[in-house]
């Protein structure tokens, strides 16, 4: 079954709307992290590179306690926005916490882990859409 022009247009408009809504959720997560003084916050659009998620959001805390505090703030704001947390890993150690919001994976690092693993480099190149807090507003 082939779609007519009107149907294709509707699908394109819907897809654009969904992408913008998702980007709004990314901005909300970044703002929550920024409020808790997370460092080096960057969101990377990875939808064309993996089926795992559409966005990865990376940030650092200055200590294990700070990493947990950032995590708590993000979870609180995400819950208020009705974002469903599917899974959380690494909270007890507070060295690298991953929050899975289905289309958004949040990585909150202790600085040593972030430097050692350098996960961002796997997902970023010159064509990658990247958001930073000053761009997210």
C-alpha atoms as a PDB file:
ATOM      1  CA  UNK A   1       0.000   0.000   0.000  1.00  0.00           C
ATOM      2  CA  UNK A   2       1.461   3.301  -1.078  1.00  0.00           C
ATOM      3  CA  UNK A   3       0.853   6.474   0.926  1.00  0.00           C
ATOM      4  CA  UNK A   4      -0.568   9.496  -0.825  1.00  0.00           C
ATOM      5  CA  UNK A   5       1.065  12.923  -0.557  1.00  0.00           C
ATOM      6  CA  UNK A   6      -1.331  14.060   2.185  1.00  0.00           C
ATOM      7  CA  UNK A   7      -0.567  10.989   4.313  1.00  0.00           C
ATOM      8  CA  UNK A   8       3.177  11.439   3.850  1.00  0.00           C
ATOM      9  CA  UNK A   9       2.874  15.071   4.864  1.00  0.00           C
ATOM     10  CA  UNK A  10       0.933  14.140   8.011  1.00  0.00           C
ATOM     11  CA  UNK A  11       3.515  11.517   8.954  1.00  0.00           C
ATOM     12  CA  UNK A  12       6.334  14.017   8.419  1.00  0.00           C
ATOM     13  CA  UNK A  13       4.579  16.621  10.562  1.00  0.00           C
ATOM     14  CA  UNK A  14       3.926  14.053  13.289  1.00  0.00           C
ATOM     15  CA  UNK A  15       7.527  12.873  13.190  1.00  0.00           C
ATOM     16  CA  UNK A  16       8.795  16.456  13.471  1.00  0.00           C
ATOM     17  CA  UNK A  17       6.475  17.088  16.424  1.00  0.00           C
ATOM     18  CA  UNK A  18       7.636  13.921  18.206  1.00  0.00           C
ATOM     19  CA  UNK A  19      11.292  14.812  17.642  1.00  0.00           C
ATOM     20  CA  UNK A  20      10.735  18.286  19.105  1.00  0.00           C
ATOM     21  CA  UNK A  21       8.905  16.846  22.116  1.00  0.00           C
ATOM     22  CA  UNK A  22      11.788  14.457  22.704  1.00  0.00           C
ATOM     23  CA  UNK A  23      14.280  17.300  22.389  1.00  0.00           C
ATOM     24  CA  UNK A  24      12.212  19.168  24.997  1.00  0.00           C
ATOM     25  CA  UNK A  25      12.638  16.208  27.360  1.00  0.00           C
ATOM     26  CA  UNK A  26      16.389  16.297  26.736  1.00  0.00           C
ATOM     27  CA  UNK A  27      16.396  20.005  27.605  1.00  0.00           C
ATOM     28  CA  UNK A  28      14.467  19.293  30.806  1.00  0.00           C
ATOM     29  CA  UNK A  29      17.043  16.704  31.857  1.00  0.00           C
ATOM     30  CA  UNK A  30      19.891  19.093  31.050  1.00  0.00           C
ATOM     31  CA  UNK A  31      18.232  21.883  33.058  1.00  0.00           C
ATOM     32  CA  UNK A  32      17.769  19.611  36.085  1.00  0.00           C
ATOM     33  CA  UNK A  33      21.447  18.651  35.896  1.00  0.00           C
ATOM     34  CA  UNK A  34      22.498  22.264  35.501  1.00  0.00           C
ATOM     35  CA  UNK A  35      20.485  23.249  38.596  1.00  0.00           C
ATOM     36  CA  UNK A  36      22.558  20.735  40.573  1.00  0.00           C
ATOM     37  CA  UNK A  37      25.783  22.174  39.131  1.00  0.00           C
ATOM     38  CA  UNK A  38      26.612  19.211  36.913  1.00  0.00           C
ATOM     39  CA  UNK A  39      29.695  19.858  34.790  1.00  0.00           C
ATOM     40  CA  UNK A  40      30.380  19.397  31.073  1.00  0.00           C
ATOM     41  CA  UNK A  41      26.762  18.659  30.152  1.00  0.00           C
ATOM     42  CA  UNK A  42      26.306  17.580  26.567  1.00  0.00           C
ATOM     43  CA  UNK A  43      23.426  15.855  24.739  1.00  0.00           C
ATOM     44  CA  UNK A  44      24.212  13.853  21.611  1.00  0.00           C
ATOM     45  CA  UNK A  45      21.647  12.817  19.011  1.00  0.00           C
ATOM     46  CA  UNK A  46      22.441   9.161  18.269  1.00  0.00           C
ATOM     47  CA  UNK A  47      19.280   7.957  16.499  1.00  0.00           C
ATOM     48  CA  UNK A  48      21.155   7.453  13.231  1.00  0.00           C
ATOM     49  CA  UNK A  49      23.927   5.488  14.975  1.00  0.00           C
ATOM     50  CA  UNK A  50      22.062   3.056  17.255  1.00  0.00           C
ATOM     51  CA  UNK A  51      18.631   1.645  17.998  1.00  0.00           C
ATOM     52  CA  UNK A  52      19.276   1.843  21.756  1.00  0.00           C
ATOM     53  CA  UNK A  53      18.096   5.463  22.090  1.00  0.00           C
ATOM     54  CA  UNK A  54      17.649   8.703  20.172  1.00  0.00           C
ATOM     55  CA  UNK A  55      19.655  10.849  22.604  1.00  0.00           C
ATOM     56  CA  UNK A  56      22.514  10.295  25.028  1.00  0.00           C
ATOM     57  CA  UNK A  57      23.030  12.955  27.685  1.00  0.00           C
ATOM     58  CA  UNK A  58      26.454  13.071  29.339  1.00  0.00           C
ATOM     59  CA  UNK A  59      27.531  15.013  32.425  1.00  0.00           C
ATOM     60  CA  UNK A  60      29.881  14.876  35.387  1.00  0.00           C
ATOM     61  CA  UNK A  61      29.611  15.409  39.108  1.00  0.00           C
ATOM     62  CA  UNK A  62      32.558  16.345  41.302  1.00  0.00           C
ATOM     63  CA  UNK A  63      32.197  13.425  43.752  1.00  0.00           C
ATOM     64  CA  UNK A  64      30.137  10.278  44.223  1.00  0.00           C
ATOM     65  CA  UNK A  65      27.722  12.200  46.429  1.00  0.00           C
ATOM     66  CA  UNK A  66      27.376  14.930  43.795  1.00  0.00           C
ATOM     67  CA  UNK A  67      26.775  12.319  41.065  1.00  0.00           C
ATOM     68  CA  UNK A  68      23.951  10.815  43.164  1.00  0.00           C
ATOM     69  CA  UNK A  69      22.510  14.265  43.865  1.00  0.00           C
ATOM     70  CA  UNK A  70      22.398  15.050  40.137  1.00  0.00           C
ATOM     71  CA  UNK A  71      20.712  11.703  39.528  1.00  0.00           C
ATOM     72  CA  UNK A  72      18.082  12.387  42.189  1.00  0.00           C
ATOM     73  CA  UNK A  73      17.301  15.822  40.704  1.00  0.00           C
ATOM     74  CA  UNK A  74      16.955  14.427  37.180  1.00  0.00           C
ATOM     75  CA  UNK A  75      14.692  11.622  38.366  1.00  0.00           C
ATOM     76  CA  UNK A  76      12.496  14.098  40.246  1.00  0.00           C
ATOM     77  CA  UNK A  77      12.109  16.477  37.272  1.00  0.00           C
ATOM     78  CA  UNK A  78      11.588  13.600  34.838  1.00  0.00           C
ATOM     79  CA  UNK A  79       8.878  12.096  37.031  1.00  0.00           C
ATOM     80  CA  UNK A  80       7.119  15.481  37.221  1.00  0.00           C
ATOM     81  CA  UNK A  81       7.181  15.540  33.398  1.00  0.00           C
ATOM     82  CA  UNK A  82       5.777  11.975  33.307  1.00  0.00           C
ATOM     83  CA  UNK A  83       8.925  10.486  31.784  1.00  0.00           C
ATOM     84  CA  UNK A  84       9.013   6.800  32.654  1.00  0.00           C
ATOM     85  CA  UNK A  85      12.306   5.554  34.076  1.00  0.00           C
ATOM     86  CA  UNK A  86      12.821   2.074  32.663  1.00  0.00           C
ATOM     87  CA  UNK A  87      16.062   1.283  34.441  1.00  0.00           C
ATOM     88  CA  UNK A  88      18.727   2.821  36.653  1.00  0.00           C
ATOM     89  CA  UNK A  89      22.226   1.380  37.032  1.00  0.00           C
ATOM     90  CA  UNK A  90      25.238   2.371  39.121  1.00  0.00           C
ATOM     91  CA  UNK A  91      23.519   4.458  41.790  1.00  0.00           C
ATOM     92  CA  UNK A  92      24.995   2.649  44.803  1.00  0.00           C
ATOM     93  CA  UNK A  93      28.564   3.260  43.684  1.00  0.00           C
ATOM     94  CA  UNK A  94      27.919   6.778  42.393  1.00  0.00           C
ATOM     95  CA  UNK A  95      30.756   6.561  39.882  1.00  0.00           C
ATOM     96  CA  UNK A  96      28.780   6.146  36.628  1.00  0.00           C
ATOM     97  CA  UNK A  97      25.004   6.212  36.811  1.00  0.00           C
ATOM     98  CA  UNK A  98      22.899   5.404  33.759  1.00  0.00           C
ATOM     99  CA  UNK A  99      19.232   6.381  33.605  1.00  0.00           C
ATOM    100  CA  UNK A 100      17.187   4.779  30.835  1.00  0.00           C
ATOM    101  CA  UNK A 101      14.207   6.866  29.727  1.00  0.00           C
ATOM    102  CA  UNK A 102      13.617   4.691  26.650  1.00  0.00           C
ATOM    103  CA  UNK A 103      14.588   7.199  23.927  1.00  0.00           C
ATOM    104  CA  UNK A 104      16.999   9.070  26.200  1.00  0.00           C
ATOM    105  CA  UNK A 105      19.938   7.519  28.038  1.00  0.00           C
ATOM    106  CA  UNK A 106      21.467   9.722  30.729  1.00  0.00           C
ATOM    107  CA  UNK A 107      25.082   9.104  31.787  1.00  0.00           C
ATOM    108  CA  UNK A 108      26.198  10.789  35.007  1.00  0.00           C
ATOM    109  CA  UNK A 109      29.902  10.301  35.604  1.00  0.00           C
ATOM    110  CA  UNK A 110      32.425  10.795  38.327  1.00  0.00           C
ATOM    111  CA  UNK A 111      35.206  12.765  36.537  1.00  0.00           C
ATOM    112  CA  UNK A 112      37.714   9.887  36.642  1.00  0.00           C
ATOM    113  CA  UNK A 113      35.288   7.455  34.977  1.00  0.00           C
ATOM    114  CA  UNK A 114      34.276   9.960  32.353  1.00  0.00           C
ATOM    115  CA  UNK A 115      37.879  10.668  31.417  1.00  0.00           C
ATOM    116  CA  UNK A 116      38.851   6.990  31.443  1.00  0.00           C
ATOM    117  CA  UNK A 117      35.940   5.667  29.349  1.00  0.00           C
ATOM    118  CA  UNK A 118      35.486   8.766  27.162  1.00  0.00           C
ATOM    119  CA  UNK A 119      32.170   7.379  25.909  1.00  0.00           C
ATOM    120  CA  UNK A 120      31.199  10.535  24.010  1.00  0.00           C
ATOM    121  CA  UNK A 121      33.928  10.003  21.425  1.00  0.00           C
ATOM    122  CA  UNK A 122      32.150   6.820  20.285  1.00  0.00           C
ATOM    123  CA  UNK A 123      29.023   8.745  19.363  1.00  0.00           C
ATOM    124  CA  UNK A 124      30.218  12.131  18.137  1.00  0.00           C
ATOM    125  CA  UNK A 125      31.599  13.232  14.801  1.00  0.00           C
ATOM    126  CA  UNK A 126      31.370  16.410  12.738  1.00  0.00           C
ATOM    127  CA  UNK A 127      27.839  15.553  11.568  1.00  0.00           C
ATOM    128  CA  UNK A 128      26.358  14.746  14.995  1.00  0.00           C
ATOM    129  CA  UNK A 129      23.695  17.029  16.451  1.00  0.00           C
ATOM    130  CA  UNK A 130      24.915  18.147  19.869  1.00  0.00           C
ATOM    131  CA  UNK A 131      23.159  20.238  22.505  1.00  0.00           C
ATOM    132  CA  UNK A 132      24.891  22.048  25.343  1.00  0.00           C
ATOM    133  CA  UNK A 133      23.119  23.936  28.136  1.00  0.00           C
ATOM    134  CA  UNK A 134      23.519  27.349  26.479  1.00  0.00           C
ATOM    135  CA  UNK A 135      21.979  25.903  23.279  1.00  0.00           C
ATOM    136  CA  UNK A 136      19.196  24.018  25.035  1.00  0.00           C
ATOM    137  CA  UNK A 137      17.225  27.101  26.041  1.00  0.00           C
END
